[in-house]
Amino acid sequence: MTSQATDMTALIAGPLLSDAAMRTAAEHGLTLVPLKPYADADEMIAAANAIGAQAIVVRMGVVSRAVIEGIPTLRIIAKHGVGVDGIDRAAASARGIPVVVAGGANAQSVAEQALALLMSAARSTAWLDRRVREGHWDKPTYAGTEITGKSIGLVGLGAIGRAFLHLLAPFGGTVRIYDPYLGDAQLPVGTIRCATVRELLEQSDIVSLHCPLTPDNRGFIDADALAAMRPGSILLNTARGELIDETALVEALQSGPLAGAGLDTFASEPPAADHPFWALDNLVVSPHVGANTREARIRVGISVVDQIAAYLTTGAIEPRNLVNTLAATAA
């Protein structure tokens, strides 16, 4: 790989990228400077301006309008992953700054995390582990739930949803999909399209969220939606925590209809130490680590580095990874 330019600098909102991505950056002549996770706007602006950052790699933090307007050298924003709800895309568009994602690079890892959460929720592995460590032996009384043959509903069928669908194939059963952006020709063979979310909720034993967070779907899994789910059903979320009304979810796990839930994301991260979730034995959680595998980190890191270098040197953008609207995309 040959560098086409030098003195390119990017601020990482969060820790350094994988070793492979750092080597790729060096080959491009791109300097990467880390910033502490979840830095506030003033800290991000100061750090970026101190190095004349032309790019921001967003790992752990919010890139607000204030940040975008406060860094005059900024030319591109790259998400280390695919979720861009923490980036003010309108503000970026107003300055002609492209916002790009690592499309598909972490899909397999997130899908595998969804499957892990499903298996754990269905068989209470976290609870049983704790019980055994505490000296209990629940073999005479415990009964889990089989996944095989169940009706599964997927809300959203992007790269992660499709990877999860592939992982579910050995379990058989019926798969229903709600995705208003999915054309008929894109509907996987053997699956059923649902016209509404409620239709999917009413007919699924397992519901898994794989959609981006938008102003229209924030909190759409609310008390009414949860009440529509089948008795004994399981809810999974590896997308964005704000998709779910957490107060309503607690009630649904306490008094029905849900038998269990698996969450990798939360409305506020990290959740408070006194969150009602922690009193629930039928909830299994992980700290937003669906994409955190060695393999995914390598693919995602290289993807964002390559995209930043390509844009800063030639103005090139991969259209499928561009997530905001630009009047012009020339560098």
C-alpha atoms as a PDB file:
ATOM      1  CA  MET A   1       0.000   0.000   0.000  1.00  0.00           C
ATOM      2  CA  THR A   2       1.502   3.341  -1.006  1.00  0.00           C
ATOM      3  CA  SER A   3       0.798   6.632   0.724  1.00  0.00           C
ATOM      4  CA  GLN A   4      -0.473   9.372  -1.539  1.00  0.00           C
ATOM      5  CA  ALA A   5      -0.223  12.169   0.990  1.00  0.00           C
ATOM      6  CA  THR A   6       1.432  13.013   4.306  1.00  0.00           C
ATOM      7  CA  ASP A   7       0.491  15.047   7.359  1.00  0.00           C
ATOM      8  CA  MET A   8      -3.018  13.608   7.488  1.00  0.00           C
ATOM      9  CA  THR A   9      -4.252  13.531  11.078  1.00  0.00           C
ATOM     10  CA  ALA A  10      -7.340  12.000  12.662  1.00  0.00           C
ATOM     11  CA  LEU A  11      -8.615  12.180  16.230  1.00  0.00           C
ATOM     12  CA  ILE A  12     -10.048   8.952  17.647  1.00  0.00           C
ATOM     13  CA  ALA A  13     -12.951   9.562  20.014  1.00  0.00           C
ATOM     14  CA  GLY A  14     -11.969   6.603  22.187  1.00  0.00           C
ATOM     15  CA  PRO A  15      -9.012   4.216  22.363  1.00  0.00           C
ATOM     16  CA  LEU A  16      -6.593   3.339  19.587  1.00  0.00           C
ATOM     17  CA  LEU A  17      -7.666   1.063  16.752  1.00  0.00           C
ATOM     18  CA  SER A  18      -6.466  -2.498  16.218  1.00  0.00           C
ATOM     19  CA  ASP A  19      -2.779  -3.029  15.511  1.00  0.00           C
ATOM     20  CA  ALA A  20      -3.660  -3.967  11.925  1.00  0.00           C
ATOM     21  CA  ALA A  21      -5.596  -0.721  11.460  1.00  0.00           C
ATOM     22  CA  MET A  22      -2.766   1.311  12.988  1.00  0.00           C
ATOM     23  CA  ARG A  23      -0.319  -0.287  10.547  1.00  0.00           C
ATOM     24  CA  THR A  24      -2.671   0.491   7.675  1.00  0.00           C
ATOM     25  CA  ALA A  25      -2.901   4.102   8.825  1.00  0.00           C
ATOM     26  CA  ALA A  26       0.880   4.380   8.913  1.00  0.00           C
ATOM     27  CA  GLU A  27       1.095   3.003   5.379  1.00  0.00           C
ATOM     28  CA  HIS A  28      -1.343   5.708   4.260  1.00  0.00           C
ATOM     29  CA  GLY A  29       0.592   8.446   6.074  1.00  0.00           C
ATOM     30  CA  LEU A  30      -2.358   8.986   8.423  1.00  0.00           C
ATOM     31  CA  THR A  31      -1.583   9.859  12.045  1.00  0.00           C
ATOM     32  CA  LEU A  32      -4.173   8.663  14.577  1.00  0.00           C
ATOM     33  CA  VAL A  33      -4.406  10.336  18.000  1.00  0.00           C
ATOM     34  CA  PRO A  34      -6.636   8.815  20.697  1.00  0.00           C
ATOM     35  CA  LEU A  35      -8.865  10.727  23.103  1.00  0.00           C
ATOM     36  CA  LYS A  36     -10.373   9.329  26.288  1.00  0.00           C
ATOM     37  CA  PRO A  37     -13.723   7.524  25.824  1.00  0.00           C
ATOM     38  CA  TYR A  38     -16.865   9.647  26.086  1.00  0.00           C
ATOM     39  CA  ALA A  39     -15.033  12.970  26.149  1.00  0.00           C
ATOM     40  CA  ASP A  40     -17.311  15.994  26.253  1.00  0.00           C
ATOM     41  CA  ALA A  41     -17.613  18.543  23.438  1.00  0.00           C
ATOM     42  CA  ASP A  42     -15.053  20.992  24.828  1.00  0.00           C
ATOM     43  CA  GLU A  43     -12.500  18.229  25.339  1.00  0.00           C
ATOM     44  CA  MET A  44     -13.043  16.892  21.838  1.00  0.00           C
ATOM     45  CA  ILE A  45     -12.747  20.320  20.221  1.00  0.00           C
ATOM     46  CA  ALA A  46      -9.573  21.161  22.152  1.00  0.00           C
ATOM     47  CA  ALA A  47      -7.935  17.824  21.334  1.00  0.00           C
ATOM     48  CA  ALA A  48      -8.817  18.040  17.645  1.00  0.00           C
ATOM     49  CA  ASN A  49      -7.652  21.619  17.258  1.00  0.00           C
ATOM     50  CA  ALA A  50      -4.391  20.861  19.084  1.00  0.00           C
ATOM     51  CA  ILE A  51      -3.447  18.427  16.297  1.00  0.00           C
ATOM     52  CA  GLY A  52      -5.206  20.118  13.376  1.00  0.00           C
ATOM     53  CA  ALA A  53      -7.417  17.070  12.919  1.00  0.00           C
ATOM     54  CA  GLN A  54      -8.851  16.581   9.440  1.00  0.00           C
ATOM     55  CA  ALA A  55     -10.891  13.576  10.524  1.00  0.00           C
ATOM     56  CA  ILE A  56     -12.616  12.122  13.565  1.00  0.00           C
ATOM     57  CA  VAL A  57     -12.979   8.393  14.117  1.00  0.00           C
ATOM     58  CA  VAL A  58     -15.987   7.949  16.398  1.00  0.00           C
ATOM     59  CA  ARG A  59     -15.655   5.027  18.785  1.00  0.00           C
ATOM     60  CA  MET A  60     -17.005   6.181  22.158  1.00  0.00           C
ATOM     61  CA  GLY A  61     -18.500   9.641  22.257  1.00  0.00           C
ATOM     62  CA  VAL A  62     -20.878  12.147  20.709  1.00  0.00           C
ATOM     63  CA  VAL A  63     -19.927  14.374  17.784  1.00  0.00           C
ATOM     64  CA  SER A  64     -22.369  17.220  18.225  1.00  0.00           C
ATOM     65  CA  ARG A  65     -23.028  20.339  16.184  1.00  0.00           C
ATOM     66  CA  ALA A  66     -20.767  22.246  18.562  1.00  0.00           C
ATOM     67  CA  VAL A  67     -17.926  19.823  17.891  1.00  0.00           C
ATOM     68  CA  ILE A  68     -18.400  19.935  14.127  1.00  0.00           C
ATOM     69  CA  GLU A  69     -18.558  23.723  14.064  1.00  0.00           C
ATOM     70  CA  GLY A  70     -15.657  24.060  16.503  1.00  0.00           C
ATOM     71  CA  ILE A  71     -13.023  22.230  14.413  1.00  0.00           C
ATOM     72  CA  PRO A  72     -12.217  24.310  11.315  1.00  0.00           C
ATOM     73  CA  THR A  73      -9.838  21.714   9.849  1.00  0.00           C
ATOM     74  CA  LEU A  74     -12.380  18.873  10.003  1.00  0.00           C
ATOM     75  CA  ARG A  75     -13.117  17.291   6.606  1.00  0.00           C
ATOM     76  CA  ILE A  76     -14.549  13.807   7.298  1.00  0.00           C
ATOM     77  CA  ILE A  77     -16.162  11.868  10.162  1.00  0.00           C
ATOM     78  CA  ALA A  78     -15.924   8.073  10.248  1.00  0.00           C
ATOM     79  CA  LYS A  79     -17.919   5.859  12.598  1.00  0.00           C
ATOM     80  CA  HIS A  80     -16.015   2.871  13.949  1.00  0.00           C
ATOM     81  CA  GLY A  81     -19.044   0.676  13.325  1.00  0.00           C
ATOM     82  CA  VAL A  82     -22.436   1.554  11.864  1.00  0.00           C
ATOM     83  CA  GLY A  83     -24.512   3.363  14.510  1.00  0.00           C
ATOM     84  CA  VAL A  84     -24.501   7.106  13.821  1.00  0.00           C
ATOM     85  CA  ASP A  85     -27.152   8.409  16.226  1.00  0.00           C
ATOM     86  CA  GLY A  86     -24.351  10.090  18.213  1.00  0.00           C
ATOM     87  CA  ILE A  87     -23.222  12.145  15.208  1.00  0.00           C
ATOM     88  CA  ASP A  88     -25.031  15.316  14.138  1.00  0.00           C
ATOM     89  CA  ARG A  89     -25.283  14.465  10.458  1.00  0.00           C
ATOM     90  CA  ALA A  90     -27.232  17.625   9.608  1.00  0.00           C
ATOM     91  CA  ALA A  91     -24.463  19.786  11.022  1.00  0.00           C
ATOM     92  CA  ALA A  92     -21.894  17.783   9.074  1.00  0.00           C
ATOM     93  CA  SER A  93     -23.902  18.151   5.875  1.00  0.00           C
ATOM     94  CA  ALA A  94     -24.142  21.902   6.408  1.00  0.00           C
ATOM     95  CA  ARG A  95     -20.335  22.074   6.373  1.00  0.00           C
ATOM     96  CA  GLY A  96     -19.986  19.637   3.475  1.00  0.00           C
ATOM     97  CA  ILE A  97     -18.369  17.033   5.720  1.00  0.00           C
ATOM     98  CA  PRO A  98     -19.116  13.405   4.804  1.00  0.00           C
ATOM     99  CA  VAL A  99     -20.080  10.978   7.556  1.00  0.00           C
ATOM    100  CA  VAL A 100     -19.139   7.401   6.704  1.00  0.00           C
ATOM    101  CA  VAL A 101     -19.565   4.031   8.415  1.00  0.00           C
ATOM    102  CA  ALA A 102     -17.809   0.677   8.235  1.00  0.00           C
ATOM    103  CA  GLY A 103     -20.746  -0.952   6.474  1.00  0.00           C
ATOM    104  CA  GLY A 104     -20.996  -4.678   7.153  1.00  0.00           C
ATOM    105  CA  ALA A 105     -17.587  -4.972   8.796  1.00  0.00           C
ATOM    106  CA  ASN A 106     -18.929  -5.884  12.238  1.00  0.00           C
ATOM    107  CA  ALA A 107     -22.178  -7.587  11.188  1.00  0.00           C
ATOM    108  CA  GLN A 108     -21.093 -11.154  11.916  1.00  0.00           C
ATOM    109  CA  SER A 109     -19.832 -10.335  15.397  1.00  0.00           C
ATOM    110  CA  VAL A 110     -22.974  -8.432  16.381  1.00  0.00           C
ATOM    111  CA  ALA A 111     -25.164 -11.224  15.007  1.00  0.00           C
ATOM    112  CA  GLU A 112     -23.231 -13.789  17.050  1.00  0.00           C
ATOM    113  CA  GLN A 113     -23.730 -11.646  20.169  1.00  0.00           C
ATOM    114  CA  ALA A 114     -27.473 -11.601  19.477  1.00  0.00           C
ATOM    115  CA  LEU A 115     -27.426 -15.395  19.269  1.00  0.00           C
ATOM    116  CA  ALA A 116     -25.450 -15.596  22.516  1.00  0.00           C
ATOM    117  CA  LEU A 117     -28.006 -13.388  24.265  1.00  0.00           C
ATOM    118  CA  LEU A 118     -30.854 -15.464  22.849  1.00  0.00           C
ATOM    119  CA  MET A 119     -29.353 -18.731  24.061  1.00  0.00           C
ATOM    120  CA  SER A 120     -28.622 -17.256  27.478  1.00  0.00           C
ATOM    121  CA  ALA A 121     -32.126 -15.796  27.846  1.00  0.00           C
ATOM    122  CA  ALA A 122     -33.772 -19.027  26.730  1.00  0.00           C
ATOM    123  CA  ARG A 123     -31.692 -21.206  29.071  1.00  0.00           C
ATOM    124  CA  SER A 124     -31.068 -18.718  31.938  1.00  0.00           C
ATOM    125  CA  THR A 125     -27.332 -19.318  31.783  1.00  0.00           C
ATOM    126  CA  ALA A 126     -26.318 -16.156  33.661  1.00  0.00           C
ATOM    127  CA  TRP A 127     -28.799 -16.830  36.469  1.00  0.00           C
ATOM    128  CA  LEU A 128     -27.938 -20.526  36.706  1.00  0.00           C
ATOM    129  CA  ASP A 129     -24.230 -19.734  36.788  1.00  0.00           C
ATOM    130  CA  ARG A 130     -24.785 -17.363  39.692  1.00  0.00           C
ATOM    131  CA  ARG A 131     -26.996 -19.866  41.489  1.00  0.00           C
ATOM    132  CA  VAL A 132     -24.439 -22.669  41.259  1.00  0.00           C
ATOM    133  CA  ARG A 133     -21.673 -20.374  42.510  1.00  0.00           C
ATOM    134  CA  GLU A 134     -23.899 -19.490  45.475  1.00  0.00           C
ATOM    135  CA  GLY A 135     -24.276 -23.155  46.383  1.00  0.00           C
ATOM    136  CA  HIS A 136     -27.679 -23.896  44.822  1.00  0.00           C
ATOM    137  CA  TRP A 137     -28.505 -26.870  42.595  1.00  0.00           C
ATOM    138  CA  ASP A 138     -31.664 -26.158  40.568  1.00  0.00           C
ATOM    139  CA  LYS A 139     -31.696 -29.341  38.498  1.00  0.00           C
ATOM    140  CA  PRO A 140     -34.946 -30.666  40.091  1.00  0.00           C
ATOM    141  CA  THR A 141     -36.954 -27.509  39.386  1.00  0.00           C
ATOM    142  CA  TYR A 142     -35.472 -25.564  36.452  1.00  0.00           C
ATOM    143  CA  ALA A 143     -36.939 -25.729  32.927  1.00  0.00           C
ATOM    144  CA  GLY A 144     -35.679 -23.620  30.040  1.00  0.00           C
ATOM    145  CA  THR A 145     -37.086 -22.906  26.586  1.00  0.00           C
ATOM    146  CA  GLU A 146     -36.093 -24.519  23.295  1.00  0.00           C
ATOM    147  CA  ILE A 147     -35.360 -22.209  20.388  1.00  0.00           C
ATOM    148  CA  THR A 148     -35.890 -24.842  17.707  1.00  0.00           C
ATOM    149  CA  GLY A 149     -39.140 -24.445  15.820  1.00  0.00           C
ATOM    150  CA  LYS A 150     -40.023 -21.089  17.331  1.00  0.00           C
ATOM    151  CA  SER A 151     -41.439 -18.137  15.395  1.00  0.00           C
ATOM    152  CA  ILE A 152     -38.768 -15.453  15.140  1.00  0.00           C
ATOM    153  CA  GLY A 153     -39.364 -11.811  14.243  1.00  0.00           C
ATOM    154  CA  LEU A 154     -36.606  -9.521  12.972  1.00  0.00           C
ATOM    155  CA  VAL A 155     -37.139  -5.760  13.039  1.00  0.00           C
ATOM    156  CA  GLY A 156     -34.745  -4.533  10.352  1.00  0.00           C
ATOM    157  CA  LEU A 157     -32.813  -6.626   7.842  1.00  0.00           C
ATOM    158  CA  GLY A 158     -29.553  -4.876   7.155  1.00  0.00           C
ATOM    159  CA  ALA A 159     -26.190  -6.624   7.232  1.00  0.00           C
ATOM    160  CA  ILE A 160     -26.518  -7.582  10.915  1.00  0.00           C
ATOM    161  CA  GLY A 161     -30.091  -8.804  10.559  1.00  0.00           C
ATOM    162  CA  ARG A 162     -29.099 -10.959   7.588  1.00  0.00           C
ATOM    163  CA  ALA A 163     -26.135 -12.430   9.456  1.00  0.00           C
ATOM    164  CA  PHE A 164     -28.416 -13.248  12.401  1.00  0.00           C
ATOM    165  CA  LEU A 165     -30.945 -14.823  10.048  1.00  0.00           C
ATOM    166  CA  HIS A 166     -28.198 -17.087   8.696  1.00  0.00           C
ATOM    167  CA  LEU A 167     -27.211 -18.134  12.226  1.00  0.00           C
ATOM    168  CA  LEU A 168     -30.833 -19.028  13.003  1.00  0.00           C
ATOM    169  CA  ALA A 169     -31.191 -21.393  10.044  1.00  0.00           C
ATOM    170  CA  PRO A 170     -30.301 -24.610  11.947  1.00  0.00           C
ATOM    171  CA  PHE A 171     -33.095 -23.955  14.461  1.00  0.00           C
ATOM    172  CA  GLY A 172     -35.837 -24.092  11.832  1.00  0.00           C
ATOM    173  CA  GLY A 173     -39.084 -22.339  12.610  1.00  0.00           C
ATOM    174  CA  THR A 174     -40.750 -19.407  10.898  1.00  0.00           C
ATOM    175  CA  VAL A 175     -38.989 -16.076  10.356  1.00  0.00           C
ATOM    176  CA  ARG A 176     -40.986 -12.868  10.048  1.00  0.00           C
ATOM    177  CA  ILE A 177     -39.450  -9.579   8.985  1.00  0.00           C
ATOM    178  CA  TYR A 178     -40.513  -5.975   9.372  1.00  0.00           C
ATOM    179  CA  ASP A 179     -38.413  -3.598   7.290  1.00  0.00           C
ATOM    180  CA  PRO A 180     -40.214  -0.874   5.306  1.00  0.00           C
ATOM    181  CA  TYR A 181     -37.037  -0.206   3.281  1.00  0.00           C
ATOM    182  CA  LEU A 182     -36.731  -3.792   2.079  1.00  0.00           C
ATOM    183  CA  GLY A 183     -37.858  -4.390  -1.504  1.00  0.00           C
ATOM    184  CA  ASP A 184     -39.830  -7.516  -2.335  1.00  0.00           C
ATOM    185  CA  ALA A 185     -36.905  -8.871  -4.352  1.00  0.00           C
ATOM    186  CA  GLN A 186     -34.669  -8.525  -1.277  1.00  0.00           C
ATOM    187  CA  LEU A 187     -36.902 -10.587   0.988  1.00  0.00           C
ATOM    188  CA  PRO A 188     -35.037 -13.825   1.815  1.00  0.00           C
ATOM    189  CA  VAL A 189     -36.608 -17.007   0.529  1.00  0.00           C
ATOM    190  CA  GLY A 190     -38.823 -18.693   3.089  1.00  0.00           C
ATOM    191  CA  THR A 191     -39.371 -15.613   5.255  1.00  0.00           C
ATOM    192  CA  ILE A 192     -42.625 -13.720   5.783  1.00  0.00           C
ATOM    193  CA  ARG A 193     -42.949  -9.948   5.468  1.00  0.00           C
ATOM    194  CA  CYS A 194     -44.977  -8.177   8.165  1.00  0.00           C
ATOM    195  CA  ALA A 195     -46.745  -4.965   7.209  1.00  0.00           C
ATOM    196  CA  THR A 196     -46.465  -3.498  10.712  1.00  0.00           C
ATOM    197  CA  VAL A 197     -44.336  -3.920  13.804  1.00  0.00           C
ATOM    198  CA  ARG A 198     -47.425  -4.905  15.776  1.00  0.00           C
ATOM    199  CA  GLU A 199     -48.157  -7.757  13.371  1.00  0.00           C
ATOM    200  CA  LEU A 200     -44.618  -9.056  13.885  1.00  0.00           C
ATOM    201  CA  LEU A 201     -44.837  -8.732  17.673  1.00  0.00           C
ATOM    202  CA  GLU A 202     -48.143 -10.570  17.853  1.00  0.00           C
ATOM    203  CA  GLN A 203     -46.890 -13.524  15.804  1.00  0.00           C
ATOM    204  CA  SER A 204     -43.338 -14.023  17.110  1.00  0.00           C
ATOM    205  CA  ASP A 205     -41.963 -16.030  20.030  1.00  0.00           C
ATOM    206  CA  ILE A 206     -38.599 -14.286  19.722  1.00  0.00           C
ATOM    207  CA  VAL A 207     -38.175 -10.658  18.593  1.00  0.00           C
ATOM    208  CA  SER A 208     -34.756  -9.237  17.718  1.00  0.00           C
ATOM    209  CA  LEU A 209     -34.097  -5.555  16.933  1.00  0.00           C
ATOM    210  CA  HIS A 210     -31.665  -4.794  14.092  1.00  0.00           C
ATOM    211  CA  CYS A 211     -32.788  -1.313  13.013  1.00  0.00           C
ATOM    212  CA  PRO A 212     -31.016   2.049  13.315  1.00  0.00           C
ATOM    213  CA  LEU A 213     -32.258   4.634  15.808  1.00  0.00           C
ATOM    214  CA  THR A 214     -34.249   7.441  14.154  1.00  0.00           C
ATOM    215  CA  PRO A 215     -36.483  10.230  15.486  1.00  0.00           C
ATOM    216  CA  ASP A 216     -39.477   8.176  14.343  1.00  0.00           C
ATOM    217  CA  ASN A 217     -38.679   4.930  16.167  1.00  0.00           C
ATOM    218  CA  ARG A 218     -37.216   6.174  19.452  1.00  0.00           C
ATOM    219  CA  GLY A 219     -38.972   4.220  22.208  1.00  0.00           C
ATOM    220  CA  PHE A 220     -41.236   2.380  19.776  1.00  0.00           C
ATOM    221  CA  ILE A 221     -40.990  -0.801  21.866  1.00  0.00           C
ATOM    222  CA  ASP A 222     -43.207   0.737  24.531  1.00  0.00           C
ATOM    223  CA  ALA A 223     -45.813  -0.627  26.931  1.00  0.00           C
ATOM    224  CA  ASP A 224     -48.374  -1.137  24.160  1.00  0.00           C
ATOM    225  CA  ALA A 225     -45.865  -2.919  21.936  1.00  0.00           C
ATOM    226  CA  LEU A 226     -44.705  -5.177  24.756  1.00  0.00           C
ATOM    227  CA  ALA A 227     -48.305  -5.997  25.692  1.00  0.00           C
ATOM    228  CA  ALA A 228     -48.844  -7.211  22.117  1.00  0.00           C
ATOM    229  CA  MET A 229     -46.067  -9.810  22.410  1.00  0.00           C
ATOM    230  CA  ARG A 230     -46.837 -13.466  22.985  1.00  0.00           C
ATOM    231  CA  PRO A 231     -46.809 -14.878  26.525  1.00  0.00           C
ATOM    232  CA  GLY A 232     -43.411 -16.428  27.206  1.00  0.00           C
ATOM    233  CA  SER A 233     -41.678 -14.526  24.416  1.00  0.00           C
ATOM    234  CA  ILE A 234     -38.099 -13.216  24.374  1.00  0.00           C
ATOM    235  CA  LEU A 235     -36.905  -9.754  23.292  1.00  0.00           C
ATOM    236  CA  LEU A 236     -33.364  -9.087  22.040  1.00  0.00           C
ATOM    237  CA  ASN A 237     -31.679  -5.763  21.366  1.00  0.00           C
ATOM    238  CA  THR A 238     -28.203  -5.422  19.880  1.00  0.00           C
ATOM    239  CA  ALA A 239     -29.135  -2.225  18.010  1.00  0.00           C
ATOM    240  CA  ARG A 240     -29.711   0.916  20.109  1.00  0.00           C
ATOM    241  CA  GLY A 241     -31.012   1.084  23.667  1.00  0.00           C
ATOM    242  CA  GLU A 242     -33.250   4.064  22.963  1.00  0.00           C
ATOM    243  CA  LEU A 243     -35.453   1.881  20.778  1.00  0.00           C
ATOM    244  CA  ILE A 244     -36.968   0.431  23.965  1.00  0.00           C
ATOM    245  CA  ASP A 245     -38.942   2.102  26.752  1.00  0.00           C
ATOM    246  CA  GLU A 246     -36.911   0.632  29.599  1.00  0.00           C
ATOM    247  CA  THR A 247     -39.528   1.298  32.287  1.00  0.00           C
ATOM    248  CA  ALA A 248     -42.082  -0.610  30.248  1.00  0.00           C
ATOM    249  CA  LEU A 249     -39.582  -3.426  29.652  1.00  0.00           C
ATOM    250  CA  VAL A 250     -39.004  -3.835  33.388  1.00  0.00           C
ATOM    251  CA  GLU A 251     -42.745  -4.162  33.927  1.00  0.00           C
ATOM    252  CA  ALA A 252     -43.095  -6.638  31.061  1.00  0.00           C
ATOM    253  CA  LEU A 253     -40.326  -8.809  32.509  1.00  0.00           C
ATOM    254  CA  GLN A 254     -41.796  -8.640  36.003  1.00  0.00           C
ATOM    255  CA  SER A 255     -45.436  -9.313  35.215  1.00  0.00           C
ATOM    256  CA  GLY A 256     -45.548 -10.585  31.627  1.00  0.00           C
ATOM    257  CA  PRO A 257     -45.829 -11.267  28.825  1.00  0.00           C
ATOM    258  CA  LEU A 258     -42.043 -11.579  28.399  1.00  0.00           C
ATOM    259  CA  ALA A 259     -40.255 -14.657  29.697  1.00  0.00           C
ATOM    260  CA  GLY A 260     -36.878 -13.041  29.153  1.00  0.00           C
ATOM    261  CA  ALA A 261     -34.800 -10.430  27.367  1.00  0.00           C
ATOM    262  CA  GLY A 262     -31.218 -10.017  26.187  1.00  0.00           C
ATOM    263  CA  LEU A 263     -29.737  -6.521  25.867  1.00  0.00           C
ATOM    264  CA  ASP A 264     -26.391  -5.328  24.578  1.00  0.00           C
ATOM    265  CA  THR A 265     -27.447  -1.660  24.443  1.00  0.00           C
ATOM    266  CA  PHE A 266     -29.135   0.750  26.844  1.00  0.00           C
ATOM    267  CA  ALA A 267     -30.843   4.146  26.753  1.00  0.00           C
ATOM    268  CA  SER A 268     -28.002   5.567  28.867  1.00  0.00           C
ATOM    269  CA  GLU A 269     -24.588   3.953  28.795  1.00  0.00           C
ATOM    270  CA  PRO A 270     -23.403   2.767  31.171  1.00  0.00           C
ATOM    271  CA  PRO A 271     -26.725   2.291  32.994  1.00  0.00           C
ATOM    272  CA  ALA A 272     -26.995   3.566  36.561  1.00  0.00           C
ATOM    273  CA  ALA A 273     -25.906   1.271  39.384  1.00  0.00           C
ATOM    274  CA  ASP A 274     -29.436   1.389  40.810  1.00  0.00           C
ATOM    275  CA  HIS A 275     -31.224   0.678  37.499  1.00  0.00           C
ATOM    276  CA  PRO A 276     -34.292  -1.570  38.001  1.00  0.00           C
ATOM    277  CA  PHE A 277     -32.815  -3.982  35.462  1.00  0.00           C
ATOM    278  CA  TRP A 278     -30.397  -5.372  38.033  1.00  0.00           C
ATOM    279  CA  ALA A 279     -33.199  -6.879  40.116  1.00  0.00           C
ATOM    280  CA  LEU A 280     -34.440  -9.019  37.206  1.00  0.00           C
ATOM    281  CA  ASP A 281     -33.343 -12.645  37.016  1.00  0.00           C
ATOM    282  CA  ASN A 282     -34.879 -13.112  33.549  1.00  0.00           C
ATOM    283  CA  LEU A 283     -32.725 -10.418  31.938  1.00  0.00           C
ATOM    284  CA  VAL A 284     -29.257 -11.072  30.523  1.00  0.00           C
ATOM    285  CA  VAL A 285     -27.067  -8.129  29.533  1.00  0.00           C
ATOM    286  CA  SER A 286     -23.694  -7.217  28.066  1.00  0.00           C
ATOM    287  CA  PRO A 287     -21.961  -3.777  27.953  1.00  0.00           C
ATOM    288  CA  HIS A 288     -22.499  -2.857  24.273  1.00  0.00           C
ATOM    289  CA  VAL A 289     -19.817  -5.289  23.119  1.00  0.00           C
ATOM    290  CA  GLY A 290     -21.594  -6.928  20.180  1.00  0.00           C
ATOM    291  CA  ALA A 291     -18.955  -5.653  17.753  1.00  0.00           C
ATOM    292  CA  ASN A 292     -16.072  -6.215  20.164  1.00  0.00           C
ATOM    293  CA  THR A 293     -14.312  -9.191  18.694  1.00  0.00           C
ATOM    294  CA  ARG A 294     -10.725  -9.236  17.506  1.00  0.00           C
ATOM    295  CA  GLU A 295     -11.869 -10.071  13.996  1.00  0.00           C
ATOM    296  CA  ALA A 296     -14.469  -7.284  13.782  1.00  0.00           C
ATOM    297  CA  ARG A 297     -12.135  -4.682  15.253  1.00  0.00           C
ATOM    298  CA  ILE A 298      -9.574  -5.456  12.566  1.00  0.00           C
ATOM    299  CA  ARG A 299     -12.123  -5.220   9.733  1.00  0.00           C
ATOM    300  CA  VAL A 300     -13.822  -2.087  11.079  1.00  0.00           C
ATOM    301  CA  GLY A 301     -10.571  -0.279  11.856  1.00  0.00           C
ATOM    302  CA  ILE A 302      -9.084  -0.953   8.428  1.00  0.00           C
ATOM    303  CA  SER A 303     -12.357   0.108   6.789  1.00  0.00           C
ATOM    304  CA  VAL A 304     -12.483   3.521   8.474  1.00  0.00           C
ATOM    305  CA  VAL A 305      -8.749   4.153   7.936  1.00  0.00           C
ATOM    306  CA  ASP A 306      -9.000   3.289   4.244  1.00  0.00           C
ATOM    307  CA  GLN A 307     -12.040   5.525   3.816  1.00  0.00           C
ATOM    308  CA  ILE A 308     -10.475   8.488   5.584  1.00  0.00           C
ATOM    309  CA  ALA A 309      -7.247   8.202   3.582  1.00  0.00           C
ATOM    310  CA  ALA A 310      -9.112   7.820   0.296  1.00  0.00           C
ATOM    311  CA  TYR A 311     -11.235  10.903   0.935  1.00  0.00           C
ATOM    312  CA  LEU A 312      -8.403  13.106   2.163  1.00  0.00           C
ATOM    313  CA  THR A 313      -6.150  12.183  -0.772  1.00  0.00           C
ATOM    314  CA  THR A 314      -8.555  11.820  -3.697  1.00  0.00           C
ATOM    315  CA  GLY A 315     -12.037  12.857  -2.525  1.00  0.00           C
ATOM    316  CA  ALA A 316     -13.300   9.310  -3.094  1.00  0.00           C
ATOM    317  CA  ILE A 317     -16.254   8.015  -1.046  1.00  0.00           C
ATOM    318  CA  GLU A 318     -17.874   4.586  -1.040  1.00  0.00           C
ATOM    319  CA  PRO A 319     -21.550   5.509  -1.659  1.00  0.00           C
ATOM    320  CA  ARG A 320     -22.968   2.633   0.395  1.00  0.00           C
ATOM    321  CA  ASN A 321     -21.051   3.856   3.463  1.00  0.00           C
ATOM    322  CA  LEU A 322     -22.056   7.516   3.188  1.00  0.00           C
ATOM    323  CA  VAL A 323     -24.840   8.283   5.690  1.00  0.00           C
ATOM    324  CA  ASN A 324     -25.444  11.989   5.240  1.00  0.00           C
ATOM    325  CA  THR A 325     -26.376  14.210   2.315  1.00  0.00           C
ATOM    326  CA  LEU A 326     -23.747  16.331   0.618  1.00  0.00           C
ATOM    327  CA  ALA A 327     -24.148  18.978  -2.030  1.00  0.00           C
ATOM    328  CA  ALA A 328     -20.674  18.013  -3.243  1.00  0.00           C
ATOM    329  CA  THR A 329     -18.210  15.375  -2.160  1.00  0.00           C
ATOM    330  CA  ALA A 330     -14.973  16.738  -3.563  1.00  0.00           C
ATOM    331  CA  ALA A 331     -12.205  16.865  -0.990  1.00  0.00           C
END
